[in-house]
Amino acid sequence: MRFYLSIFLIFLLIPSIFSQEIIDVSIKGISDGRKSSERVDRDEAIMDAKLQAVERAGVNIKSVTEIENFVMKKDWIESKAEAYLMPGYQIIDVGYGADRLYHVVLVGKVRVMGASSESDSDTMTGNDGRSYKTVKIGNQVWMAENLRETKYRNGDAIQRITNNSLWVYSQNGSYCVYANDGKKLETYGCLYNWLAVNDSRNIAPPGWHVPSDSEWQTLLDHLGGEYVAGGKIKETGTAHWKGSNAGATNESGFTALPGGYRYGNVGSFDGLGSDASFWSSTENGVHNAWYRNLLSGKTDVYREEINKHYGFSVRLLRDN
């Protein structure tokens, strides 16, 4: 026979917020007073602290905890604002107080990625805490800058490789800055191999993802097809694009920048100012993956496949 000590469902309606931010929290959690066992009371206190941590972000929360046979079987929080407790938080045990309730203190950070599906935020906050411009094109919301992140969603560092040979033979997700010149980071972003794009720890923050090949095609179709879409997504002028920058109107607001690329077979750099290459999340066989390419002298957007060790720029797409 299974004995259910407690099952509870909580709905908290809090005014939602419309910015994306990271909030520092220091929250006291307490058990519900059932005194079933110290372990269960501690788990209840931790759950209470987690719930309050997300509540502190000012979002709509749905929380469920279920304890079966004195063991916590379910422990989750959902929020339309996509707020979540970031990895690395600390639990400080205070123990039982004079009120006979178990007390803990949770210290950590809560990331809030957007308020509601009705809000089209014009910024995105990455895993490093950087803020990026975004733009809505058709029914899609894209980054309007090249990604510059150095961490995965769980806080792990993405491997940075400057050495050419190590870049070629790396079997891990990796990134670099063009020509290893830090001055180029803010304008052109990082170059990532496809292993970083595909890493399960996720290069994108919650609510965002690396676009698939078909999602890239949706963007181009909305802009009139791959033969003309290049001009509509390239940054105008020649401040960053070399040569003619053919047909560039940037009427979409995408602002594609020529961040160049890093060869996957020799590890050297090329194409800064003349070539913008963006990974998709779609692989083509064991060794290759699809990407999209723009050139200074063309209005086309080319669909190509290439070895996963090449280093390309990344633009993220907001989840539907």
C-alpha atoms as a PDB file:
ATOM      1  CA  MET A   1       0.000   0.000   0.000  1.00  0.00           C
ATOM      2  CA  ARG A   2       1.277   3.445  -0.847  1.00  0.00           C
ATOM      3  CA  PHE A   3       0.869   6.150   1.736  1.00  0.00           C
ATOM      4  CA  TYR A   4       0.721   9.776   0.576  1.00  0.00           C
ATOM      5  CA  LEU A   5       1.879  12.064   3.329  1.00  0.00           C
ATOM      6  CA  SER A   6       1.135  15.254   1.451  1.00  0.00           C
ATOM      7  CA  ILE A   7       0.149  16.461  -1.963  1.00  0.00           C
ATOM      8  CA  PHE A   8      -0.314  20.140  -2.528  1.00  0.00           C
ATOM      9  CA  LEU A   9      -0.793  22.459  -5.471  1.00  0.00           C
ATOM     10  CA  ILE A  10      -0.128  26.158  -5.137  1.00  0.00           C
ATOM     11  CA  PHE A  11      -1.024  28.963  -7.524  1.00  0.00           C
ATOM     12  CA  LEU A  12       0.452  32.376  -6.800  1.00  0.00           C
ATOM     13  CA  LEU A  13      -0.685  35.280  -8.920  1.00  0.00           C
ATOM     14  CA  ILE A  14       1.957  37.978  -8.819  1.00  0.00           C
ATOM     15  CA  PRO A  15       2.210  40.982 -11.187  1.00  0.00           C
ATOM     16  CA  SER A  16       4.432  39.881 -14.069  1.00  0.00           C
ATOM     17  CA  ILE A  17       7.473  41.829 -15.219  1.00  0.00           C
ATOM     18  CA  PHE A  18       8.532  42.576 -18.746  1.00  0.00           C
ATOM     19  CA  SER A  19      12.329  42.825 -18.496  1.00  0.00           C
ATOM     20  CA  GLN A  20      14.955  40.122 -18.643  1.00  0.00           C
ATOM     21  CA  GLU A  21      17.302  40.129 -15.693  1.00  0.00           C
ATOM     22  CA  ILE A  22      19.210  38.175 -13.088  1.00  0.00           C
ATOM     23  CA  ILE A  23      18.055  38.740  -9.515  1.00  0.00           C
ATOM     24  CA  ASP A  24      20.150  37.969  -6.412  1.00  0.00           C
ATOM     25  CA  VAL A  25      18.102  36.242  -3.715  1.00  0.00           C
ATOM     26  CA  SER A  26      18.647  35.279  -0.086  1.00  0.00           C
ATOM     27  CA  ILE A  27      15.499  33.489   1.048  1.00  0.00           C
ATOM     28  CA  LYS A  28      14.474  31.733   4.256  1.00  0.00           C
ATOM     29  CA  GLY A  29      12.431  28.561   3.771  1.00  0.00           C
ATOM     30  CA  ILE A  30      10.490  26.672   6.420  1.00  0.00           C
ATOM     31  CA  SER A  31       8.763  23.306   6.627  1.00  0.00           C
ATOM     32  CA  ASP A  32       4.986  23.029   6.907  1.00  0.00           C
ATOM     33  CA  GLY A  33       5.032  21.764  10.468  1.00  0.00           C
ATOM     34  CA  ARG A  34       4.029  18.147   9.899  1.00  0.00           C
ATOM     35  CA  LYS A  35       7.146  16.797  11.640  1.00  0.00           C
ATOM     36  CA  SER A  36       7.064  13.590   9.567  1.00  0.00           C
ATOM     37  CA  SER A  37      10.844  13.216   9.573  1.00  0.00           C
ATOM     38  CA  GLU A  38      13.806  15.561   9.618  1.00  0.00           C
ATOM     39  CA  ARG A  39      14.684  14.660   6.032  1.00  0.00           C
ATOM     40  CA  VAL A  40      11.195  15.403   4.746  1.00  0.00           C
ATOM     41  CA  ASP A  41      10.939  18.583   6.815  1.00  0.00           C
ATOM     42  CA  ARG A  42      14.259  19.759   5.366  1.00  0.00           C
ATOM     43  CA  ASP A  43      13.084  18.973   1.814  1.00  0.00           C
ATOM     44  CA  GLU A  44       9.881  20.928   2.443  1.00  0.00           C
ATOM     45  CA  ALA A  45      11.870  23.896   3.736  1.00  0.00           C
ATOM     46  CA  ILE A  46      14.123  23.841   0.668  1.00  0.00           C
ATOM     47  CA  MET A  47      11.092  23.663  -1.631  1.00  0.00           C
ATOM     48  CA  ASP A  48       9.555  26.601   0.200  1.00  0.00           C
ATOM     49  CA  ALA A  49      12.755  28.601  -0.311  1.00  0.00           C
ATOM     50  CA  LYS A  50      12.874  27.731  -4.022  1.00  0.00           C
ATOM     51  CA  LEU A  51       9.260  28.775  -4.446  1.00  0.00           C
ATOM     52  CA  GLN A  52       9.880  32.080  -2.711  1.00  0.00           C
ATOM     53  CA  ALA A  53      13.036  32.664  -4.763  1.00  0.00           C
ATOM     54  CA  VAL A  54      11.095  32.513  -8.019  1.00  0.00           C
ATOM     55  CA  GLU A  55       8.254  34.503  -6.473  1.00  0.00           C
ATOM     56  CA  ARG A  56      10.776  37.208  -5.582  1.00  0.00           C
ATOM     57  CA  ALA A  57      11.286  37.716  -9.327  1.00  0.00           C
ATOM     58  CA  GLY A  58       7.663  38.891  -9.489  1.00  0.00           C
ATOM     59  CA  VAL A  59       6.235  36.240 -11.805  1.00  0.00           C
ATOM     60  CA  ASN A  60       3.254  33.942 -12.105  1.00  0.00           C
ATOM     61  CA  ILE A  61       4.111  30.660 -10.406  1.00  0.00           C
ATOM     62  CA  LYS A  62       2.675  27.170 -10.417  1.00  0.00           C
ATOM     63  CA  SER A  63       4.329  24.824  -7.918  1.00  0.00           C
ATOM     64  CA  VAL A  64       3.777  21.179  -7.084  1.00  0.00           C
ATOM     65  CA  THR A  65       5.400  19.068  -4.394  1.00  0.00           C
ATOM     66  CA  GLU A  66       4.402  15.471  -3.738  1.00  0.00           C
ATOM     67  CA  ILE A  67       5.763  13.302  -0.927  1.00  0.00           C
ATOM     68  CA  GLU A  68       5.199   9.563  -1.006  1.00  0.00           C
ATOM     69  CA  ASN A  69       6.219   7.249   1.852  1.00  0.00           C
ATOM     70  CA  PHE A  70       8.175  10.092   3.453  1.00  0.00           C
ATOM     71  CA  VAL A  71      10.218  10.628   0.257  1.00  0.00           C
ATOM     72  CA  MET A  72       9.801  13.628  -2.023  1.00  0.00           C
ATOM     73  CA  LYS A  73       8.727  12.285  -5.431  1.00  0.00           C
ATOM     74  CA  LYS A  74       7.891  15.539  -7.212  1.00  0.00           C
ATOM     75  CA  ASP A  75       9.469  18.946  -6.782  1.00  0.00           C
ATOM     76  CA  TRP A  76       8.938  21.423  -9.560  1.00  0.00           C
ATOM     77  CA  ILE A  77       8.036  24.988 -10.350  1.00  0.00           C
ATOM     78  CA  GLU A  78       6.542  26.309 -13.574  1.00  0.00           C
ATOM     79  CA  SER A  79       6.278  29.928 -14.620  1.00  0.00           C
ATOM     80  CA  LYS A  80       5.036  31.653 -17.757  1.00  0.00           C
ATOM     81  CA  ALA A  81       7.846  34.138 -17.240  1.00  0.00           C
ATOM     82  CA  GLU A  82      10.423  31.333 -17.619  1.00  0.00           C
ATOM     83  CA  ALA A  83      12.102  32.302 -14.384  1.00  0.00           C
ATOM     84  CA  TYR A  84      14.376  29.678 -12.928  1.00  0.00           C
ATOM     85  CA  LEU A  85      16.791  29.223 -10.081  1.00  0.00           C
ATOM     86  CA  MET A  86      20.280  29.279 -11.573  1.00  0.00           C
ATOM     87  CA  PRO A  87      22.745  26.451 -10.816  1.00  0.00           C
ATOM     88  CA  GLY A  88      25.220  27.096  -8.044  1.00  0.00           C
ATOM     89  CA  TYR A  89      22.760  28.178  -5.348  1.00  0.00           C
ATOM     90  CA  GLN A  90      23.602  27.325  -1.736  1.00  0.00           C
ATOM     91  CA  ILE A  91      21.413  25.845   0.991  1.00  0.00           C
ATOM     92  CA  ILE A  92      22.347  26.829   4.542  1.00  0.00           C
ATOM     93  CA  ASP A  93      20.790  24.566   7.174  1.00  0.00           C
ATOM     94  CA  VAL A  94      19.499  26.419  10.227  1.00  0.00           C
ATOM     95  CA  GLY A  95      17.625  23.425  11.640  1.00  0.00           C
ATOM     96  CA  TYR A  96      14.589  23.344  13.882  1.00  0.00           C
ATOM     97  CA  GLY A  97      13.631  26.627  15.495  1.00  0.00           C
ATOM     98  CA  ALA A  98      11.607  27.516  18.555  1.00  0.00           C
ATOM     99  CA  ASP A  99       8.518  27.299  16.355  1.00  0.00           C
ATOM    100  CA  ARG A 100       9.316  23.574  15.824  1.00  0.00           C
ATOM    101  CA  LEU A 101       9.640  24.167  12.078  1.00  0.00           C
ATOM    102  CA  TYR A 102      12.721  23.285  10.052  1.00  0.00           C
ATOM    103  CA  HIS A 103      14.496  26.364   8.668  1.00  0.00           C
ATOM    104  CA  VAL A 104      16.925  26.773   5.751  1.00  0.00           C
ATOM    105  CA  VAL A 105      18.372  29.765   3.918  1.00  0.00           C
ATOM    106  CA  LEU A 106      18.777  29.679   0.133  1.00  0.00           C
ATOM    107  CA  VAL A 107      21.344  32.026  -1.417  1.00  0.00           C
ATOM    108  CA  GLY A 108      21.586  32.276  -5.200  1.00  0.00           C
ATOM    109  CA  LYS A 109      20.376  33.917  -8.396  1.00  0.00           C
ATOM    110  CA  VAL A 110      17.089  33.787 -10.300  1.00  0.00           C
ATOM    111  CA  ARG A 111      17.085  34.413 -14.043  1.00  0.00           C
ATOM    112  CA  VAL A 112      13.927  35.940 -15.553  1.00  0.00           C
ATOM    113  CA  MET A 113      13.741  35.503 -19.307  1.00  0.00           C
ATOM    114  CA  GLY A 114      10.550  37.397 -20.192  1.00  0.00           C
ATOM    115  CA  ALA A 115       7.151  38.189 -18.833  1.00  0.00           C
ATOM    116  CA  SER A 116       4.523  36.529 -21.027  1.00  0.00           C
ATOM    117  CA  SER A 117       3.753  35.218 -24.453  1.00  0.00           C
ATOM    118  CA  GLU A 118       1.973  38.474 -25.200  1.00  0.00           C
ATOM    119  CA  SER A 119       5.144  40.507 -24.726  1.00  0.00           C
ATOM    120  CA  ASP A 120       7.663  40.903 -27.565  1.00  0.00           C
ATOM    121  CA  SER A 121      10.732  41.968 -25.619  1.00  0.00           C
ATOM    122  CA  ASP A 122      13.365  43.859 -27.604  1.00  0.00           C
ATOM    123  CA  THR A 123      16.243  42.358 -25.623  1.00  0.00           C
ATOM    124  CA  MET A 124      17.573  38.948 -24.675  1.00  0.00           C
ATOM    125  CA  THR A 125      19.849  38.124 -21.733  1.00  0.00           C
ATOM    126  CA  GLY A 126      22.437  35.453 -22.449  1.00  0.00           C
ATOM    127  CA  ASN A 127      24.013  32.878 -20.157  1.00  0.00           C
ATOM    128  CA  ASP A 128      26.828  35.299 -19.261  1.00  0.00           C
ATOM    129  CA  GLY A 129      24.331  37.985 -18.283  1.00  0.00           C
ATOM    130  CA  ARG A 130      24.941  40.060 -21.425  1.00  0.00           C
ATOM    131  CA  SER A 131      21.996  41.870 -22.978  1.00  0.00           C
ATOM    132  CA  TYR A 132      21.379  41.584 -26.730  1.00  0.00           C
ATOM    133  CA  LYS A 133      19.083  43.451 -29.084  1.00  0.00           C
ATOM    134  CA  THR A 134      16.359  41.375 -30.723  1.00  0.00           C
ATOM    135  CA  VAL A 135      14.033  41.926 -33.644  1.00  0.00           C
ATOM    136  CA  LYS A 136      10.703  40.425 -34.701  1.00  0.00           C
ATOM    137  CA  ILE A 137      10.642  39.330 -38.344  1.00  0.00           C
ATOM    138  CA  GLY A 138       7.356  37.817 -39.412  1.00  0.00           C
ATOM    139  CA  ASN A 139       6.345  35.432 -36.648  1.00  0.00           C
ATOM    140  CA  GLN A 140       9.913  34.896 -35.465  1.00  0.00           C
ATOM    141  CA  VAL A 141      11.996  36.824 -32.930  1.00  0.00           C
ATOM    142  CA  TRP A 142      15.750  36.800 -33.680  1.00  0.00           C
ATOM    143  CA  MET A 143      18.844  38.158 -32.050  1.00  0.00           C
ATOM    144  CA  ALA A 144      19.959  41.325 -33.837  1.00  0.00           C
ATOM    145  CA  GLU A 145      23.584  40.845 -32.756  1.00  0.00           C
ATOM    146  CA  ASN A 146      26.110  38.020 -32.961  1.00  0.00           C
ATOM    147  CA  LEU A 147      26.327  35.804 -29.884  1.00  0.00           C
ATOM    148  CA  ARG A 148      29.202  36.555 -27.454  1.00  0.00           C
ATOM    149  CA  GLU A 149      28.567  33.977 -24.737  1.00  0.00           C
ATOM    150  CA  THR A 150      31.303  32.064 -22.920  1.00  0.00           C
ATOM    151  CA  LYS A 151      29.070  29.850 -20.741  1.00  0.00           C
ATOM    152  CA  TYR A 152      26.458  27.186 -21.216  1.00  0.00           C
ATOM    153  CA  ARG A 153      23.033  27.485 -19.635  1.00  0.00           C
ATOM    154  CA  ASN A 154      24.087  25.505 -16.547  1.00  0.00           C
ATOM    155  CA  GLY A 155      27.009  27.868 -15.903  1.00  0.00           C
ATOM    156  CA  ASP A 156      29.769  25.617 -17.277  1.00  0.00           C
ATOM    157  CA  ALA A 157      32.423  27.445 -19.280  1.00  0.00           C
ATOM    158  CA  ILE A 158      32.560  26.880 -23.033  1.00  0.00           C
ATOM    159  CA  GLN A 159      36.109  25.900 -23.920  1.00  0.00           C
ATOM    160  CA  ARG A 160      38.068  28.773 -25.495  1.00  0.00           C
ATOM    161  CA  ILE A 161      40.792  27.733 -27.952  1.00  0.00           C
ATOM    162  CA  THR A 162      43.372  30.074 -29.434  1.00  0.00           C
ATOM    163  CA  ASN A 163      45.845  27.480 -30.770  1.00  0.00           C
ATOM    164  CA  ASN A 164      45.185  26.431 -34.386  1.00  0.00           C
ATOM    165  CA  SER A 165      45.997  22.739 -33.959  1.00  0.00           C
ATOM    166  CA  LEU A 166      43.972  22.402 -30.784  1.00  0.00           C
ATOM    167  CA  TRP A 167      41.024  23.981 -32.577  1.00  0.00           C
ATOM    168  CA  VAL A 168      41.179  21.442 -35.388  1.00  0.00           C
ATOM    169  CA  TYR A 169      41.383  18.394 -33.134  1.00  0.00           C
ATOM    170  CA  SER A 170      39.102  19.471 -30.325  1.00  0.00           C
ATOM    171  CA  GLN A 171      36.315  17.015 -29.573  1.00  0.00           C
ATOM    172  CA  ASN A 172      34.500  19.479 -27.321  1.00  0.00           C
ATOM    173  CA  GLY A 173      32.325  22.516 -27.838  1.00  0.00           C
ATOM    174  CA  SER A 174      34.680  25.465 -28.326  1.00  0.00           C
ATOM    175  CA  TYR A 175      34.710  29.156 -29.168  1.00  0.00           C
ATOM    176  CA  CYS A 176      37.176  31.858 -30.128  1.00  0.00           C
ATOM    177  CA  VAL A 177      37.318  35.497 -31.160  1.00  0.00           C
ATOM    178  CA  TYR A 178      38.397  36.291 -34.708  1.00  0.00           C
ATOM    179  CA  ALA A 179      42.228  36.234 -34.928  1.00  0.00           C
ATOM    180  CA  ASN A 180      42.201  35.943 -31.116  1.00  0.00           C
ATOM    181  CA  ASP A 181      41.780  39.717 -31.042  1.00  0.00           C
ATOM    182  CA  GLY A 182      39.597  40.701 -28.092  1.00  0.00           C
ATOM    183  CA  LYS A 183      38.904  44.102 -29.654  1.00  0.00           C
ATOM    184  CA  LYS A 184      36.703  42.368 -32.238  1.00  0.00           C
ATOM    185  CA  LEU A 185      34.453  40.686 -29.679  1.00  0.00           C
ATOM    186  CA  GLU A 186      31.873  43.420 -29.082  1.00  0.00           C
ATOM    187  CA  THR A 187      31.245  44.089 -32.777  1.00  0.00           C
ATOM    188  CA  TYR A 188      31.527  40.666 -34.372  1.00  0.00           C
ATOM    189  CA  GLY A 189      30.866  38.304 -31.472  1.00  0.00           C
ATOM    190  CA  CYS A 190      32.413  34.873 -31.022  1.00  0.00           C
ATOM    191  CA  LEU A 191      33.005  32.071 -33.480  1.00  0.00           C
ATOM    192  CA  TYR A 192      31.765  28.664 -32.303  1.00  0.00           C
ATOM    193  CA  ASN A 193      32.296  25.165 -33.590  1.00  0.00           C
ATOM    194  CA  TRP A 194      29.154  23.098 -34.119  1.00  0.00           C
ATOM    195  CA  LEU A 195      29.976  20.943 -31.095  1.00  0.00           C
ATOM    196  CA  ALA A 196      29.235  23.962 -28.901  1.00  0.00           C
ATOM    197  CA  VAL A 197      26.023  24.588 -30.827  1.00  0.00           C
ATOM    198  CA  ASN A 198      24.890  21.016 -30.200  1.00  0.00           C
ATOM    199  CA  ASP A 199      26.079  20.635 -26.605  1.00  0.00           C
ATOM    200  CA  SER A 200      23.317  19.363 -24.305  1.00  0.00           C
ATOM    201  CA  ARG A 201      24.237  22.021 -21.715  1.00  0.00           C
ATOM    202  CA  ASN A 202      22.803  24.528 -24.190  1.00  0.00           C
ATOM    203  CA  ILE A 203      24.542  27.573 -25.578  1.00  0.00           C
ATOM    204  CA  ALA A 204      21.196  29.419 -25.545  1.00  0.00           C
ATOM    205  CA  PRO A 205      19.488  30.787 -22.429  1.00  0.00           C
ATOM    206  CA  PRO A 206      16.001  29.561 -21.452  1.00  0.00           C
ATOM    207  CA  GLY A 207      13.374  30.580 -23.985  1.00  0.00           C
ATOM    208  CA  TRP A 208      15.848  30.646 -26.883  1.00  0.00           C
ATOM    209  CA  HIS A 209      17.574  28.142 -29.156  1.00  0.00           C
ATOM    210  CA  VAL A 210      19.917  27.817 -32.104  1.00  0.00           C
ATOM    211  CA  PRO A 211      17.662  27.870 -35.192  1.00  0.00           C
ATOM    212  CA  SER A 212      17.263  24.749 -37.270  1.00  0.00           C
ATOM    213  CA  ASP A 213      17.864  24.695 -41.012  1.00  0.00           C
ATOM    214  CA  SER A 214      14.106  24.861 -41.616  1.00  0.00           C
ATOM    215  CA  GLU A 215      13.740  27.853 -39.274  1.00  0.00           C
ATOM    216  CA  TRP A 216      16.400  29.695 -41.247  1.00  0.00           C
ATOM    217  CA  GLN A 217      14.391  28.917 -44.376  1.00  0.00           C
ATOM    218  CA  THR A 218      11.249  30.339 -42.766  1.00  0.00           C
ATOM    219  CA  LEU A 219      13.093  33.619 -42.249  1.00  0.00           C
ATOM    220  CA  LEU A 220      14.306  33.748 -45.851  1.00  0.00           C
ATOM    221  CA  ASP A 221      10.911  32.839 -47.287  1.00  0.00           C
ATOM    222  CA  HIS A 222       9.319  35.665 -45.319  1.00  0.00           C
ATOM    223  CA  LEU A 223      11.846  38.073 -46.862  1.00  0.00           C
ATOM    224  CA  GLY A 224      11.237  36.973 -50.435  1.00  0.00           C
ATOM    225  CA  GLY A 225      13.554  33.986 -50.788  1.00  0.00           C
ATOM    226  CA  GLU A 226      17.264  33.260 -50.552  1.00  0.00           C
ATOM    227  CA  TYR A 227      18.157  35.219 -53.714  1.00  0.00           C
ATOM    228  CA  VAL A 228      17.132  38.584 -52.263  1.00  0.00           C
ATOM    229  CA  ALA A 229      16.980  38.045 -48.499  1.00  0.00           C
ATOM    230  CA  GLY A 230      20.706  38.673 -48.048  1.00  0.00           C
ATOM    231  CA  GLY A 231      20.345  42.366 -48.798  1.00  0.00           C
ATOM    232  CA  LYS A 232      17.392  42.627 -46.450  1.00  0.00           C
ATOM    233  CA  ILE A 233      19.297  41.210 -43.464  1.00  0.00           C
ATOM    234  CA  LYS A 234      22.785  42.697 -44.004  1.00  0.00           C
ATOM    235  CA  GLU A 235      23.860  45.767 -42.058  1.00  0.00           C
ATOM    236  CA  THR A 236      23.956  48.773 -44.374  1.00  0.00           C
ATOM    237  CA  GLY A 237      27.037  50.754 -45.337  1.00  0.00           C
ATOM    238  CA  THR A 238      30.689  49.772 -45.335  1.00  0.00           C
ATOM    239  CA  ALA A 239      31.698  50.461 -41.747  1.00  0.00           C
ATOM    240  CA  HIS A 240      31.970  46.688 -41.238  1.00  0.00           C
ATOM    241  CA  TRP A 241      31.223  45.194 -44.653  1.00  0.00           C
ATOM    242  CA  LYS A 242      34.069  45.583 -47.140  1.00  0.00           C
ATOM    243  CA  GLY A 243      33.557  46.325 -50.822  1.00  0.00           C
ATOM    244  CA  SER A 244      30.166  47.059 -52.348  1.00  0.00           C
ATOM    245  CA  ASN A 245      27.938  45.412 -49.717  1.00  0.00           C
ATOM    246  CA  ALA A 246      25.547  44.660 -52.569  1.00  0.00           C
ATOM    247  CA  GLY A 247      21.849  45.370 -52.061  1.00  0.00           C
ATOM    248  CA  ALA A 248      22.142  45.945 -48.307  1.00  0.00           C
ATOM    249  CA  THR A 249      19.028  47.617 -46.896  1.00  0.00           C
ATOM    250  CA  ASN A 250      18.694  45.817 -43.554  1.00  0.00           C
ATOM    251  CA  GLU A 251      14.962  46.431 -43.836  1.00  0.00           C
ATOM    252  CA  SER A 252      14.368  43.399 -41.619  1.00  0.00           C
ATOM    253  CA  GLY A 253      16.450  44.786 -38.767  1.00  0.00           C
ATOM    254  CA  PHE A 254      18.458  41.537 -38.555  1.00  0.00           C
ATOM    255  CA  THR A 255      21.762  43.469 -39.008  1.00  0.00           C
ATOM    256  CA  ALA A 256      23.958  40.631 -40.239  1.00  0.00           C
ATOM    257  CA  LEU A 257      27.636  41.368 -39.592  1.00  0.00           C
ATOM    258  CA  PRO A 258      30.634  39.894 -41.453  1.00  0.00           C
ATOM    259  CA  GLY A 259      32.311  38.133 -38.541  1.00  0.00           C
ATOM    260  CA  GLY A 260      34.388  35.864 -40.780  1.00  0.00           C
ATOM    261  CA  TYR A 261      35.107  32.262 -39.886  1.00  0.00           C
ATOM    262  CA  ARG A 262      37.724  29.860 -38.592  1.00  0.00           C
ATOM    263  CA  TYR A 263      38.821  26.924 -40.716  1.00  0.00           C
ATOM    264  CA  GLY A 264      38.037  23.512 -39.298  1.00  0.00           C
ATOM    265  CA  ASN A 265      40.951  21.825 -41.042  1.00  0.00           C
ATOM    266  CA  VAL A 266      43.839  24.226 -40.291  1.00  0.00           C
ATOM    267  CA  GLY A 267      42.493  26.491 -37.550  1.00  0.00           C
ATOM    268  CA  SER A 268      43.342  29.805 -39.230  1.00  0.00           C
ATOM    269  CA  PHE A 269      40.933  32.724 -39.731  1.00  0.00           C
ATOM    270  CA  ASP A 270      39.475  34.328 -42.848  1.00  0.00           C
ATOM    271  CA  GLY A 271      36.578  36.399 -44.180  1.00  0.00           C
ATOM    272  CA  LEU A 272      36.306  39.246 -41.661  1.00  0.00           C
ATOM    273  CA  GLY A 273      34.475  42.099 -43.379  1.00  0.00           C
ATOM    274  CA  SER A 274      33.358  40.037 -46.365  1.00  0.00           C
ATOM    275  CA  ASP A 275      31.721  36.873 -45.031  1.00  0.00           C
ATOM    276  CA  ALA A 276      28.929  36.234 -42.532  1.00  0.00           C
ATOM    277  CA  SER A 277      28.341  32.572 -41.704  1.00  0.00           C
ATOM    278  CA  PHE A 278      25.760  31.363 -39.189  1.00  0.00           C
ATOM    279  CA  TRP A 279      25.319  27.844 -37.846  1.00  0.00           C
ATOM    280  CA  SER A 280      22.014  26.008 -37.835  1.00  0.00           C
ATOM    281  CA  SER A 281      21.286  23.255 -35.307  1.00  0.00           C
ATOM    282  CA  THR A 282      20.739  20.741 -38.108  1.00  0.00           C
ATOM    283  CA  GLU A 283      23.485  18.255 -38.841  1.00  0.00           C
ATOM    284  CA  ASN A 284      24.026  16.452 -42.134  1.00  0.00           C
ATOM    285  CA  GLY A 285      25.635  13.134 -41.343  1.00  0.00           C
ATOM    286  CA  VAL A 286      28.291  12.399 -38.769  1.00  0.00           C
ATOM    287  CA  HIS A 287      30.816  15.051 -39.740  1.00  0.00           C
ATOM    288  CA  ASN A 288      28.891  17.959 -41.283  1.00  0.00           C
ATOM    289  CA  ALA A 289      26.163  20.440 -40.381  1.00  0.00           C
ATOM    290  CA  TRP A 290      24.127  23.052 -42.288  1.00  0.00           C
ATOM    291  CA  TYR A 291      24.842  26.766 -42.118  1.00  0.00           C
ATOM    292  CA  ARG A 292      23.812  29.974 -43.898  1.00  0.00           C
ATOM    293  CA  ASN A 293      26.298  32.253 -45.602  1.00  0.00           C
ATOM    294  CA  LEU A 294      26.217  35.879 -46.834  1.00  0.00           C
ATOM    295  CA  LEU A 295      28.846  37.706 -48.894  1.00  0.00           C
ATOM    296  CA  SER A 296      29.589  41.395 -49.320  1.00  0.00           C
ATOM    297  CA  GLY A 297      29.114  41.387 -53.090  1.00  0.00           C
ATOM    298  CA  LYS A 298      25.888  39.334 -53.169  1.00  0.00           C
ATOM    299  CA  THR A 299      22.252  39.665 -52.113  1.00  0.00           C
ATOM    300  CA  ASP A 300      21.892  35.879 -51.755  1.00  0.00           C
ATOM    301  CA  VAL A 301      21.837  33.786 -48.616  1.00  0.00           C
ATOM    302  CA  TYR A 302      23.578  30.504 -49.354  1.00  0.00           C
ATOM    303  CA  ARG A 303      22.670  27.191 -47.763  1.00  0.00           C
ATOM    304  CA  GLU A 304      25.778  25.062 -47.317  1.00  0.00           C
ATOM    305  CA  GLU A 305      27.039  22.119 -45.324  1.00  0.00           C
ATOM    306  CA  ILE A 306      30.503  21.941 -43.799  1.00  0.00           C
ATOM    307  CA  ASN A 307      32.632  20.140 -41.228  1.00  0.00           C
ATOM    308  CA  LYS A 308      31.481  20.667 -37.643  1.00  0.00           C
ATOM    309  CA  HIS A 309      34.927  21.905 -36.573  1.00  0.00           C
ATOM    310  CA  TYR A 310      34.599  25.178 -38.497  1.00  0.00           C
ATOM    311  CA  GLY A 311      34.055  28.290 -36.419  1.00  0.00           C
ATOM    312  CA  PHE A 312      30.990  30.373 -37.363  1.00  0.00           C
ATOM    313  CA  SER A 313      28.844  33.084 -35.844  1.00  0.00           C
ATOM    314  CA  VAL A 314      25.617  32.221 -34.014  1.00  0.00           C
ATOM    315  CA  ARG A 315      22.246  33.970 -33.921  1.00  0.00           C
ATOM    316  CA  LEU A 316      19.579  32.634 -31.578  1.00  0.00           C
ATOM    317  CA  LEU A 317      15.840  32.374 -32.185  1.00  0.00           C
ATOM    318  CA  ARG A 318      13.193  32.770 -29.506  1.00  0.00           C
ATOM    319  CA  ASP A 319      11.096  29.706 -28.715  1.00  0.00           C
ATOM    320  CA  ASN A 320       7.504  29.783 -29.922  1.00  0.00           C
END
